[in-house]
Amino acid sequence: MHQIFLRTAAKLLNFDFVHAEQQQVLASLKGRLQQSKEEGFSTDQSSKCAIKGNISSYGKIYHVPGSNAYESVRINVSSGERWFCSREEAEQAGWRASMGSSLDKK
């Protein structure tokens, strides 16, 4: 989500019709996000936690690295999908392992 914001902010900074005040605010926000990344905070959850929590017509399902669907699953945080750091964390949050691979059931 932060990456989308940064791309949008960068685009807005390049348009002449954006008011000077708006440009200053956007530049400030972009700087703060960049600083937080440099200090070790990642805006990309996948860099910290590798288990994908996907919501589909089958419910809330988690996928571990190496499982059948792992590479094809895309996480959309704005729709409630998320990343988990452990199977236990995913299950405690109400998600279940996918049925596609024995890797998901370990």
PDB file of N, CA and C in Angstrom:
ATOM      1  N   MET A   1       0.823  -1.177   0.000  1.00  0.00           N
ATOM      2  CA  MET A   1       0.000   0.000   0.000  1.00  0.00           C
ATOM      3  C   MET A   1       0.874   1.250   0.000  1.00  0.00           C
ATOM      4  N   HIS A   2       1.944   1.233   0.808  1.00  0.00           N
ATOM      5  CA  HIS A   2       2.841   2.384   0.848  1.00  0.00           C
ATOM      6  C   HIS A   2       3.526   2.575  -0.495  1.00  0.00           C
ATOM      7  N   GLN A   3       3.818   1.473  -1.187  1.00  0.00           N
ATOM      8  CA  GLN A   3       4.474   1.585  -2.490  1.00  0.00           C
ATOM      9  C   GLN A   3       3.556   2.259  -3.497  1.00  0.00           C
ATOM     10  N   ILE A   4       2.268   1.942  -3.439  1.00  0.00           N
ATOM     11  CA  ILE A   4       1.300   2.590  -4.325  1.00  0.00           C
ATOM     12  C   ILE A   4       1.248   4.079  -4.000  1.00  0.00           C
ATOM     13  N   PHE A   5       1.241   4.408  -2.706  1.00  0.00           N
ATOM     14  CA  PHE A   5       1.217   5.810  -2.290  1.00  0.00           C
ATOM     15  C   PHE A   5       2.441   6.537  -2.823  1.00  0.00           C
ATOM     16  N   LEU A   6       3.618   5.908  -2.697  1.00  0.00           N
ATOM     17  CA  LEU A   6       4.843   6.556  -3.169  1.00  0.00           C
ATOM     18  C   LEU A   6       4.804   6.803  -4.673  1.00  0.00           C
ATOM     19  N   ARG A   7       4.299   5.815  -5.430  1.00  0.00           N
ATOM     20  CA  ARG A   7       4.202   6.006  -6.888  1.00  0.00           C
ATOM     21  C   ARG A   7       3.241   7.136  -7.218  1.00  0.00           C
ATOM     22  N   THR A   8       2.097   7.174  -6.519  1.00  0.00           N
ATOM     23  CA  THR A   8       1.119   8.231  -6.752  1.00  0.00           C
ATOM     24  C   THR A   8       1.703   9.583  -6.374  1.00  0.00           C
ATOM     25  N   ALA A   9       2.378   9.630  -5.237  1.00  0.00           N
ATOM     26  CA  ALA A   9       2.995  10.887  -4.796  1.00  0.00           C
ATOM     27  C   ALA A   9       4.027  11.357  -5.809  1.00  0.00           C
ATOM     28  N   ALA A  10       4.830  10.449  -6.315  1.00  0.00           N
ATOM     29  CA  ALA A  10       5.857  10.814  -7.291  1.00  0.00           C
ATOM     30  C   ALA A  10       5.213  11.367  -8.563  1.00  0.00           C
ATOM     31  N   LYS A  11       4.118  10.750  -8.988  1.00  0.00           N
ATOM     32  CA  LYS A  11       3.428  11.246 -10.181  1.00  0.00           C
ATOM     33  C   LYS A  11       2.883  12.650  -9.946  1.00  0.00           C
ATOM     34  N   LEU A  12       2.277  12.851  -8.772  1.00  0.00           N
ATOM     35  CA  LEU A  12       1.708  14.164  -8.468  1.00  0.00           C
ATOM     36  C   LEU A  12       2.787  15.240  -8.391  1.00  0.00           C
ATOM     37  N   LEU A  13       3.950  14.891  -7.893  1.00  0.00           N
ATOM     38  CA  LEU A  13       5.034  15.867  -7.791  1.00  0.00           C
ATOM     39  C   LEU A  13       5.494  16.346  -9.162  1.00  0.00           C
ATOM     40  N   ASN A  14       5.258  15.544 -10.180  1.00  0.00           N
ATOM     41  CA  ASN A  14       5.698  15.898 -11.521  1.00  0.00           C
ATOM     42  C   ASN A  14       4.680  16.722 -12.304  1.00  0.00           C
ATOM     43  N   PHE A  15       3.463  16.890 -11.786  1.00  0.00           N
ATOM     44  CA  PHE A  15       2.450  17.655 -12.497  1.00  0.00           C
ATOM     45  C   PHE A  15       2.494  19.123 -12.080  1.00  0.00           C
ATOM     46  N   ASP A  16       2.409  19.989 -13.053  1.00  0.00           N
ATOM     47  CA  ASP A  16       2.461  21.434 -12.808  1.00  0.00           C
ATOM     48  C   ASP A  16       1.226  21.959 -12.083  1.00  0.00           C
ATOM     49  N   PHE A  17       0.086  21.282 -12.235  1.00  0.00           N
ATOM     50  CA  PHE A  17      -1.142  21.810 -11.668  1.00  0.00           C
ATOM     51  C   PHE A  17      -1.247  21.594 -10.157  1.00  0.00           C
ATOM     52  N   VAL A  18      -0.369  20.824  -9.582  1.00  0.00           N
ATOM     53  CA  VAL A  18      -0.402  20.603  -8.139  1.00  0.00           C
ATOM     54  C   VAL A  18       0.122  21.854  -7.450  1.00  0.00           C
ATOM     55  N   HIS A  19      -0.616  22.329  -6.490  1.00  0.00           N
ATOM     56  CA  HIS A  19      -0.237  23.539  -5.767  1.00  0.00           C
ATOM     57  C   HIS A  19       1.052  23.335  -4.987  1.00  0.00           C
ATOM     58  N   ALA A  20       1.764  24.405  -4.756  1.00  0.00           N
ATOM     59  CA  ALA A  20       3.048  24.356  -4.053  1.00  0.00           C
ATOM     60  C   ALA A  20       2.906  23.715  -2.672  1.00  0.00           C
ATOM     61  N   GLU A  21       1.824  24.018  -1.962  1.00  0.00           N
ATOM     62  CA  GLU A  21       1.616  23.435  -0.630  1.00  0.00           C
ATOM     63  C   GLU A  21       1.454  21.921  -0.723  1.00  0.00           C
ATOM     64  N   GLN A  22       0.704  21.475  -1.715  1.00  0.00           N
ATOM     65  CA  GLN A  22       0.508  20.039  -1.897  1.00  0.00           C
ATOM     66  C   GLN A  22       1.826  19.356  -2.243  1.00  0.00           C
ATOM     67  N   GLN A  23       2.644  20.008  -3.058  1.00  0.00           N
ATOM     68  CA  GLN A  23       3.940  19.438  -3.398  1.00  0.00           C
ATOM     69  C   GLN A  23       4.809  19.290  -2.157  1.00  0.00           C
ATOM     70  N   GLN A  24       4.773  20.285  -1.269  1.00  0.00           N
ATOM     71  CA  GLN A  24       5.566  20.218  -0.047  1.00  0.00           C
ATOM     72  C   GLN A  24       5.100  19.072   0.855  1.00  0.00           C
ATOM     73  N   VAL A  25       3.794  18.919   0.988  1.00  0.00           N
ATOM     74  CA  VAL A  25       3.249  17.847   1.825  1.00  0.00           C
ATOM     75  C   VAL A  25       3.635  16.487   1.259  1.00  0.00           C
ATOM     76  N   LEU A  26       3.461  16.319  -0.048  1.00  0.00           N
ATOM     77  CA  LEU A  26       3.798  15.040  -0.677  1.00  0.00           C
ATOM     78  C   LEU A  26       5.286  14.741  -0.559  1.00  0.00           C
ATOM     79  N   ALA A  27       6.117  15.743  -0.763  1.00  0.00           N
ATOM     80  CA  ALA A  27       7.564  15.542  -0.645  1.00  0.00           C
ATOM     81  C   ALA A  27       7.935  15.168   0.790  1.00  0.00           C
ATOM     82  N   SER A  28       7.288  15.779   1.758  1.00  0.00           N
ATOM     83  CA  SER A  28       7.548  15.476   3.161  1.00  0.00           C
ATOM     84  C   SER A  28       7.152  14.039   3.498  1.00  0.00           C
ATOM     85  N   LEU A  29       5.971  13.632   3.050  1.00  0.00           N
ATOM     86  CA  LEU A  29       5.511  12.268   3.297  1.00  0.00           C
ATOM     87  C   LEU A  29       6.423  11.244   2.635  1.00  0.00           C
ATOM     88  N   LYS A  30       6.828  11.529   1.426  1.00  0.00           N
ATOM     89  CA  LYS A  30       7.728  10.619   0.718  1.00  0.00           C
ATOM     90  C   LYS A  30       9.049  10.493   1.485  1.00  0.00           C
ATOM     91  N   GLY A  31       9.550  11.601   1.995  1.00  0.00           N
ATOM     92  CA  GLY A  31      10.786  11.577   2.774  1.00  0.00           C
ATOM     93  C   GLY A  31      10.647  10.767   4.051  1.00  0.00           C
ATOM     94  N   ARG A  32       9.511  10.916   4.733  1.00  0.00           N
ATOM     95  CA  ARG A  32       9.281  10.162   5.969  1.00  0.00           C
ATOM     96  C   ARG A  32       9.212   8.666   5.704  1.00  0.00           C
ATOM     97  N   LEU A  33       8.533   8.278   4.631  1.00  0.00           N
ATOM     98  CA  LEU A  33       8.450   6.861   4.289  1.00  0.00           C
ATOM     99  C   LEU A  33       9.824   6.298   3.934  1.00  0.00           C
ATOM    100  N   GLN A  34      10.597   7.059   3.187  1.00  0.00           N
ATOM    101  CA  GLN A  34      11.939   6.616   2.823  1.00  0.00           C
ATOM    102  C   GLN A  34      12.800   6.483   4.077  1.00  0.00           C
ATOM    103  N   GLN A  35      12.690   7.424   4.997  1.00  0.00           N
ATOM    104  CA  GLN A  35      13.465   7.376   6.234  1.00  0.00           C
ATOM    105  C   GLN A  35      13.085   6.151   7.055  1.00  0.00           C
ATOM    106  N   SER A  36      11.796   5.838   7.132  1.00  0.00           N
ATOM    107  CA  SER A  36      11.378   4.681   7.921  1.00  0.00           C
ATOM    108  C   SER A  36      11.913   3.388   7.314  1.00  0.00           C
ATOM    109  N   LYS A  37      12.003   3.325   6.001  1.00  0.00           N
ATOM    110  CA  LYS A  37      12.582   2.151   5.353  1.00  0.00           C
ATOM    111  C   LYS A  37      14.062   2.022   5.698  1.00  0.00           C
ATOM    112  N   GLU A  38      14.771   3.140   5.683  1.00  0.00           N
ATOM    113  CA  GLU A  38      16.197   3.128   5.973  1.00  0.00           C
ATOM    114  C   GLU A  38      16.472   2.747   7.420  1.00  0.00           C
ATOM    115  N   GLU A  39      15.522   3.016   8.313  1.00  0.00           N
ATOM    116  CA  GLU A  39      15.687   2.689   9.722  1.00  0.00           C
ATOM    117  C   GLU A  39      15.282   1.254  10.032  1.00  0.00           C
ATOM    118  N   GLY A  40      14.947   0.482   9.010  1.00  0.00           N
ATOM    119  CA  GLY A  40      14.641  -0.927   9.216  1.00  0.00           C
ATOM    120  C   GLY A  40      13.177  -1.291   9.161  1.00  0.00           C
ATOM    121  N   PHE A  41      12.293  -0.304   9.051  1.00  0.00           N
ATOM    122  CA  PHE A  41      10.877  -0.612   8.931  1.00  0.00           C
ATOM    123  C   PHE A  41      10.581  -0.920   7.479  1.00  0.00           C
ATOM    124  N   SER A  42       9.985  -2.041   7.221  1.00  0.00           N
ATOM    125  CA  SER A  42       9.686  -2.436   5.849  1.00  0.00           C
ATOM    126  C   SER A  42       8.223  -2.188   5.536  1.00  0.00           C
ATOM    127  N   THR A  43       7.944  -1.536   4.417  1.00  0.00           N
ATOM    128  CA  THR A  43       6.559  -1.352   3.985  1.00  0.00           C
ATOM    129  C   THR A  43       6.069  -2.582   3.252  1.00  0.00           C
ATOM    130  N   ASP A  44       6.966  -3.528   2.981  1.00  0.00           N
ATOM    131  CA  ASP A  44       6.611  -4.762   2.291  1.00  0.00           C
ATOM    132  C   ASP A  44       6.613  -5.887   3.311  1.00  0.00           C
ATOM    133  N   GLN A  45       5.432  -6.317   3.735  1.00  0.00           N
ATOM    134  CA  GLN A  45       5.332  -7.345   4.764  1.00  0.00           C
ATOM    135  C   GLN A  45       6.046  -8.634   4.385  1.00  0.00           C
ATOM    136  N   SER A  46       6.141  -8.942   3.102  1.00  0.00           N
ATOM    137  CA  SER A  46       6.748 -10.200   2.693  1.00  0.00           C
ATOM    138  C   SER A  46       8.209 -10.278   3.090  1.00  0.00           C
ATOM    139  N   SER A  47       8.871  -9.144   3.322  1.00  0.00           N
ATOM    140  CA  SER A  47      10.277  -9.175   3.681  1.00  0.00           C
ATOM    141  C   SER A  47      10.482  -9.680   5.110  1.00  0.00           C
ATOM    142  N   LYS A  48       9.449  -9.612   5.932  1.00  0.00           N
ATOM    143  CA  LYS A  48       9.548 -10.077   7.312  1.00  0.00           C
ATOM    144  C   LYS A  48       8.869 -11.423   7.516  1.00  0.00           C
ATOM    145  N   CYS A  49       7.746 -11.638   6.888  1.00  0.00           N
ATOM    146  CA  CYS A  49       6.950 -12.847   7.081  1.00  0.00           C
ATOM    147  C   CYS A  49       6.645 -13.470   5.727  1.00  0.00           C
ATOM    148  N   ALA A  50       6.851 -14.766   5.632  1.00  0.00           N
ATOM    149  CA  ALA A  50       6.763 -15.407   4.318  1.00  0.00           C
ATOM    150  C   ALA A  50       5.470 -16.172   4.060  1.00  0.00           C
ATOM    151  N   ILE A  51       4.633 -16.347   5.056  1.00  0.00           N
ATOM    152  CA  ILE A  51       3.399 -17.115   4.863  1.00  0.00           C
ATOM    153  C   ILE A  51       2.306 -16.175   4.366  1.00  0.00           C
ATOM    154  N   LYS A  52       1.687 -16.558   3.258  1.00  0.00           N
ATOM    155  CA  LYS A  52       0.671 -15.712   2.626  1.00  0.00           C
ATOM    156  C   LYS A  52      -0.725 -16.084   3.110  1.00  0.00           C
ATOM    157  N   GLY A  53      -1.456 -15.095   3.622  1.00  0.00           N
ATOM    158  CA  GLY A  53      -2.841 -15.288   4.037  1.00  0.00           C
ATOM    159  C   GLY A  53      -3.761 -14.764   2.949  1.00  0.00           C
ATOM    160  N   ASN A  54      -4.395 -15.691   2.235  1.00  0.00           N
ATOM    161  CA  ASN A  54      -5.213 -15.376   1.065  1.00  0.00           C
ATOM    162  C   ASN A  54      -6.688 -15.580   1.391  1.00  0.00           C
ATOM    163  N   ILE A  55      -7.547 -14.692   0.883  1.00  0.00           N
ATOM    164  CA  ILE A  55      -8.991 -14.844   1.050  1.00  0.00           C
ATOM    165  C   ILE A  55      -9.580 -15.187  -0.307  1.00  0.00           C
ATOM    166  N   SER A  56     -10.302 -16.299  -0.356  1.00  0.00           N
ATOM    167  CA  SER A  56     -10.922 -16.723  -1.614  1.00  0.00           C
ATOM    168  C   SER A  56     -12.332 -17.225  -1.326  1.00  0.00           C
ATOM    169  N   SER A  57     -12.961 -17.775  -2.340  1.00  0.00           N
ATOM    170  CA  SER A  57     -14.304 -18.334  -2.144  1.00  0.00           C
ATOM    171  C   SER A  57     -14.259 -19.545  -1.208  1.00  0.00           C
ATOM    172  N   TYR A  58     -13.068 -20.075  -0.958  1.00  0.00           N
ATOM    173  CA  TYR A  58     -12.903 -21.206  -0.045  1.00  0.00           C
ATOM    174  C   TYR A  58     -12.660 -20.756   1.393  1.00  0.00           C
ATOM    175  N   GLY A  59     -12.542 -19.466   1.610  1.00  0.00           N
ATOM    176  CA  GLY A  59     -12.325 -18.939   2.945  1.00  0.00           C
ATOM    177  C   GLY A  59     -10.947 -18.340   3.114  1.00  0.00           C
ATOM    178  N   LYS A  60     -10.533 -18.223   4.370  1.00  0.00           N
ATOM    179  CA  LYS A  60      -9.217 -17.667   4.702  1.00  0.00           C
ATOM    180  C   LYS A  60      -8.209 -18.809   4.746  1.00  0.00           C
ATOM    181  N   ILE A  61      -7.287 -18.782   3.809  1.00  0.00           N
ATOM    182  CA  ILE A  61      -6.339 -19.882   3.641  1.00  0.00           C
ATOM    183  C   ILE A  61      -4.926 -19.330   3.655  1.00  0.00           C
ATOM    184  N   TYR A  62      -4.016 -20.044   4.343  1.00  0.00           N
ATOM    185  CA  TYR A  62      -2.623 -19.617   4.291  1.00  0.00           C
ATOM    186  C   TYR A  62      -1.794 -20.577   3.452  1.00  0.00           C
ATOM    187  N   HIS A  63      -0.765 -20.024   2.817  1.00  0.00           N
ATOM    188  CA  HIS A  63       0.123 -20.769   1.927  1.00  0.00           C
ATOM    189  C   HIS A  63       1.560 -20.563   2.391  1.00  0.00           C
ATOM    190  N   VAL A  64       2.293 -21.656   2.521  1.00  0.00           N
ATOM    191  CA  VAL A  64       3.694 -21.566   2.944  1.00  0.00           C
ATOM    192  C   VAL A  64       4.601 -21.629   1.716  1.00  0.00           C
ATOM    193  N   PRO A  65       5.801 -21.062   1.825  1.00  0.00           N
ATOM    194  CA  PRO A  65       6.743 -21.124   0.701  1.00  0.00           C
ATOM    195  C   PRO A  65       6.990 -22.572   0.269  1.00  0.00           C
ATOM    196  N   GLY A  66       6.979 -22.791  -1.036  1.00  0.00           N
ATOM    197  CA  GLY A  66       7.204 -24.124  -1.577  1.00  0.00           C
ATOM    198  C   GLY A  66       5.940 -24.911  -1.852  1.00  0.00           C
ATOM    199  N   SER A  67       4.805 -24.437  -1.347  1.00  0.00           N
ATOM    200  CA  SER A  67       3.546 -25.155  -1.602  1.00  0.00           C
ATOM    201  C   SER A  67       3.074 -24.885  -3.032  1.00  0.00           C
ATOM    202  N   ASN A  68       2.125 -25.700  -3.477  1.00  0.00           N
ATOM    203  CA  ASN A  68       1.671 -25.648  -4.877  1.00  0.00           C
ATOM    204  C   ASN A  68       1.269 -24.263  -5.358  1.00  0.00           C
ATOM    205  N   ALA A  69       0.452 -23.572  -4.610  1.00  0.00           N
ATOM    206  CA  ALA A  69      -0.101 -22.295  -5.079  1.00  0.00           C
ATOM    207  C   ALA A  69       0.686 -21.082  -4.619  1.00  0.00           C
ATOM    208  N   TYR A  70       1.729 -21.286  -3.834  1.00  0.00           N
ATOM    209  CA  TYR A  70       2.413 -20.157  -3.189  1.00  0.00           C
ATOM    210  C   TYR A  70       2.831 -19.072  -4.176  1.00  0.00           C
ATOM    211  N   GLU A  71       3.492 -19.436  -5.235  1.00  0.00           N
ATOM    212  CA  GLU A  71       4.002 -18.441  -6.194  1.00  0.00           C
ATOM    213  C   GLU A  71       2.884 -17.692  -6.912  1.00  0.00           C
ATOM    214  N   SER A  72       1.754 -18.338  -7.126  1.00  0.00           N
ATOM    215  CA  SER A  72       0.670 -17.687  -7.875  1.00  0.00           C
ATOM    216  C   SER A  72      -0.220 -16.816  -6.984  1.00  0.00           C
ATOM    217  N   VAL A  73      -0.166 -17.014  -5.682  1.00  0.00           N
ATOM    218  CA  VAL A  73      -1.009 -16.232  -4.767  1.00  0.00           C
ATOM    219  C   VAL A  73      -0.436 -14.825  -4.622  1.00  0.00           C
ATOM    220  N   ARG A  74      -1.294 -13.839  -4.811  1.00  0.00           N
ATOM    221  CA  ARG A  74      -0.935 -12.435  -4.633  1.00  0.00           C
ATOM    222  C   ARG A  74      -1.725 -11.899  -3.452  1.00  0.00           C
ATOM    223  N   ILE A  75      -1.053 -11.191  -2.569  1.00  0.00           N
ATOM    224  CA  ILE A  75      -1.701 -10.667  -1.367  1.00  0.00           C
ATOM    225  C   ILE A  75      -2.187  -9.243  -1.619  1.00  0.00           C
ATOM    226  N   ASN A  76      -3.472  -9.032  -1.356  1.00  0.00           N
ATOM    227  CA  ASN A  76      -4.086  -7.721  -1.473  1.00  0.00           C
ATOM    228  C   ASN A  76      -4.487  -7.281  -0.062  1.00  0.00           C
ATOM    229  N   VAL A  77      -3.612  -6.537   0.572  1.00  0.00           N
ATOM    230  CA  VAL A  77      -3.815  -6.128   1.961  1.00  0.00           C
ATOM    231  C   VAL A  77      -5.101  -5.317   2.123  1.00  0.00           C
ATOM    232  N   SER A  78      -5.444  -4.521   1.129  1.00  0.00           N
ATOM    233  CA  SER A  78      -6.644  -3.676   1.246  1.00  0.00           C
ATOM    234  C   SER A  78      -7.929  -4.492   1.274  1.00  0.00           C
ATOM    235  N   SER A  79      -7.883  -5.765   0.856  1.00  0.00           N
ATOM    236  CA  SER A  79      -9.084  -6.604   0.904  1.00  0.00           C
ATOM    237  C   SER A  79      -9.072  -7.538   2.113  1.00  0.00           C
ATOM    238  N   GLY A  80      -8.124  -7.332   3.033  1.00  0.00           N
ATOM    239  CA  GLY A  80      -8.088  -8.138   4.251  1.00  0.00           C
ATOM    240  C   GLY A  80      -7.065  -9.257   4.232  1.00  0.00           C
ATOM    241  N   GLU A  81      -6.408  -9.454   3.100  1.00  0.00           N
ATOM    242  CA  GLU A  81      -5.380 -10.483   3.041  1.00  0.00           C
ATOM    243  C   GLU A  81      -4.142  -9.987   3.771  1.00  0.00           C
ATOM    244  N   ARG A  82      -3.287 -10.928   4.197  1.00  0.00           N
ATOM    245  CA  ARG A  82      -2.141 -10.509   4.988  1.00  0.00           C
ATOM    246  C   ARG A  82      -1.029 -11.537   4.974  1.00  0.00           C
ATOM    247  N   TRP A  83       0.063 -11.180   5.605  1.00  0.00           N
ATOM    248  CA  TRP A  83       1.230 -12.041   5.754  1.00  0.00           C
ATOM    249  C   TRP A  83       1.295 -12.539   7.191  1.00  0.00           C
ATOM    250  N   PHE A  84       1.807 -13.761   7.366  1.00  0.00           N
ATOM    251  CA  PHE A  84       2.015 -14.327   8.694  1.00  0.00           C
ATOM    252  C   PHE A  84       3.460 -14.775   8.826  1.00  0.00           C
ATOM    253  N   CYS A  85       3.947 -14.752  10.060  1.00  0.00           N
ATOM    254  CA  CYS A  85       5.319 -15.180  10.332  1.00  0.00           C
ATOM    255  C   CYS A  85       5.390 -16.645  10.747  1.00  0.00           C
ATOM    256  N   SER A  86       4.267 -17.229  11.141  1.00  0.00           N
ATOM    257  CA  SER A  86       4.256 -18.638  11.522  1.00  0.00           C
ATOM    258  C   SER A  86       2.886 -19.237  11.227  1.00  0.00           C
ATOM    259  N   ARG A  87       2.867 -20.554  11.133  1.00  0.00           N
ATOM    260  CA  ARG A  87       1.592 -21.262  10.946  1.00  0.00           C
ATOM    261  C   ARG A  87       0.675 -21.015  12.153  1.00  0.00           C
ATOM    262  N   GLU A  88       1.291 -21.038  13.332  1.00  0.00           N
ATOM    263  CA  GLU A  88       0.517 -20.840  14.557  1.00  0.00           C
ATOM    264  C   GLU A  88      -0.180 -19.479  14.554  1.00  0.00           C
ATOM    265  N   GLU A  89       0.549 -18.463  14.132  1.00  0.00           N
ATOM    266  CA  GLU A  89      -0.032 -17.115  14.061  1.00  0.00           C
ATOM    267  C   GLU A  89      -1.228 -17.101  13.111  1.00  0.00           C
ATOM    268  N   ALA A  90      -1.087 -17.746  11.962  1.00  0.00           N
ATOM    269  CA  ALA A  90      -2.170 -17.794  10.981  1.00  0.00           C
ATOM    270  C   ALA A  90      -3.381 -18.532  11.545  1.00  0.00           C
ATOM    271  N   GLU A  91      -3.150 -19.663  12.176  1.00  0.00           N
ATOM    272  CA  GLU A  91      -4.255 -20.453  12.709  1.00  0.00           C
ATOM    273  C   GLU A  91      -4.940 -19.747  13.875  1.00  0.00           C
ATOM    274  N   GLN A  92      -4.174 -19.077  14.715  1.00  0.00           N
ATOM    275  CA  GLN A  92      -4.769 -18.331  15.825  1.00  0.00           C
ATOM    276  C   GLN A  92      -5.626 -17.172  15.319  1.00  0.00           C
ATOM    277  N   ALA A  93      -5.295 -16.656  14.133  1.00  0.00           N
ATOM    278  CA  ALA A  93      -6.070 -15.564  13.540  1.00  0.00           C
ATOM    279  C   ALA A  93      -7.289 -16.080  12.772  1.00  0.00           C
ATOM    280  N   GLY A  94      -7.463 -17.413  12.732  1.00  0.00           N
ATOM    281  CA  GLY A  94      -8.644 -17.978  12.078  1.00  0.00           C
ATOM    282  C   GLY A  94      -8.448 -18.436  10.649  1.00  0.00           C
ATOM    283  N   TRP A  95      -7.211 -18.572  10.201  1.00  0.00           N
ATOM    284  CA  TRP A  95      -6.927 -19.027   8.848  1.00  0.00           C
ATOM    285  C   TRP A  95      -6.593 -20.513   8.891  1.00  0.00           C
ATOM    286  N   ARG A  96      -6.811 -21.218   7.780  1.00  0.00           N
ATOM    287  CA  ARG A  96      -6.481 -22.640   7.706  1.00  0.00           C
ATOM    288  C   ARG A  96      -5.449 -22.879   6.616  1.00  0.00           C
ATOM    289  N   ALA A  97      -4.742 -24.008   6.749  1.00  0.00           N
ATOM    290  CA  ALA A  97      -3.747 -24.374   5.742  1.00  0.00           C
ATOM    291  C   ALA A  97      -4.442 -24.722   4.435  1.00  0.00           C
ATOM    292  N   SER A  98      -3.763 -24.479   3.319  1.00  0.00           N
ATOM    293  CA  SER A  98      -4.332 -24.861   2.026  1.00  0.00           C
ATOM    294  C   SER A  98      -4.312 -26.367   1.898  1.00  0.00           C
ATOM    295  N   MET A  99      -5.138 -26.885   1.042  1.00  0.00           N
ATOM    296  CA  MET A  99      -5.243 -28.333   0.837  1.00  0.00           C
ATOM    297  C   MET A  99      -4.303 -28.828  -0.244  1.00  0.00           C
ATOM    298  N   GLY A 100      -3.606 -27.897  -0.924  1.00  0.00           N
ATOM    299  CA  GLY A 100      -2.846 -28.241  -2.122  1.00  0.00           C
ATOM    300  C   GLY A 100      -1.548 -28.951  -1.940  1.00  0.00           C
ATOM    301  N   SER A 101      -0.979 -28.946  -0.750  1.00  0.00           N
ATOM    302  CA  SER A 101       0.341 -29.513  -0.593  1.00  0.00           C
ATOM    303  C   SER A 101       0.567 -29.967   0.831  1.00  0.00           C
ATOM    304  N   SER A 102       1.339 -31.029   0.982  1.00  0.00           N
ATOM    305  CA  SER A 102       1.671 -31.493   2.314  1.00  0.00           C
ATOM    306  C   SER A 102       2.521 -30.469   3.046  1.00  0.00           C
ATOM    307  N   LEU A 103       3.201 -29.574   2.304  1.00  0.00           N
ATOM    308  CA  LEU A 103       3.989 -28.531   2.934  1.00  0.00           C
ATOM    309  C   LEU A 103       3.118 -27.610   3.775  1.00  0.00           C
ATOM    310  N   ASP A 104       1.873 -27.405   3.319  1.00  0.00           N
ATOM    311  CA  ASP A 104       0.965 -26.514   4.032  1.00  0.00           C
ATOM    312  C   ASP A 104       0.455 -27.116   5.322  1.00  0.00           C
ATOM    313  N   LYS A 105       0.560 -28.426   5.468  1.00  0.00           N
ATOM    314  CA  LYS A 105      -0.033 -29.110   6.616  1.00  0.00           C
ATOM    315  C   LYS A 105       0.977 -29.474   7.688  1.00  0.00           C
ATOM    316  N   LYS A 106       2.246 -29.149   7.484  1.00  0.00           N
ATOM    317  CA  LYS A 106       3.271 -29.500   8.459  1.00  0.00           C
ATOM    318  C   LYS A 106       3.104 -28.741   9.740  1.00  0.00           C
TER     319      LYS A 106
END
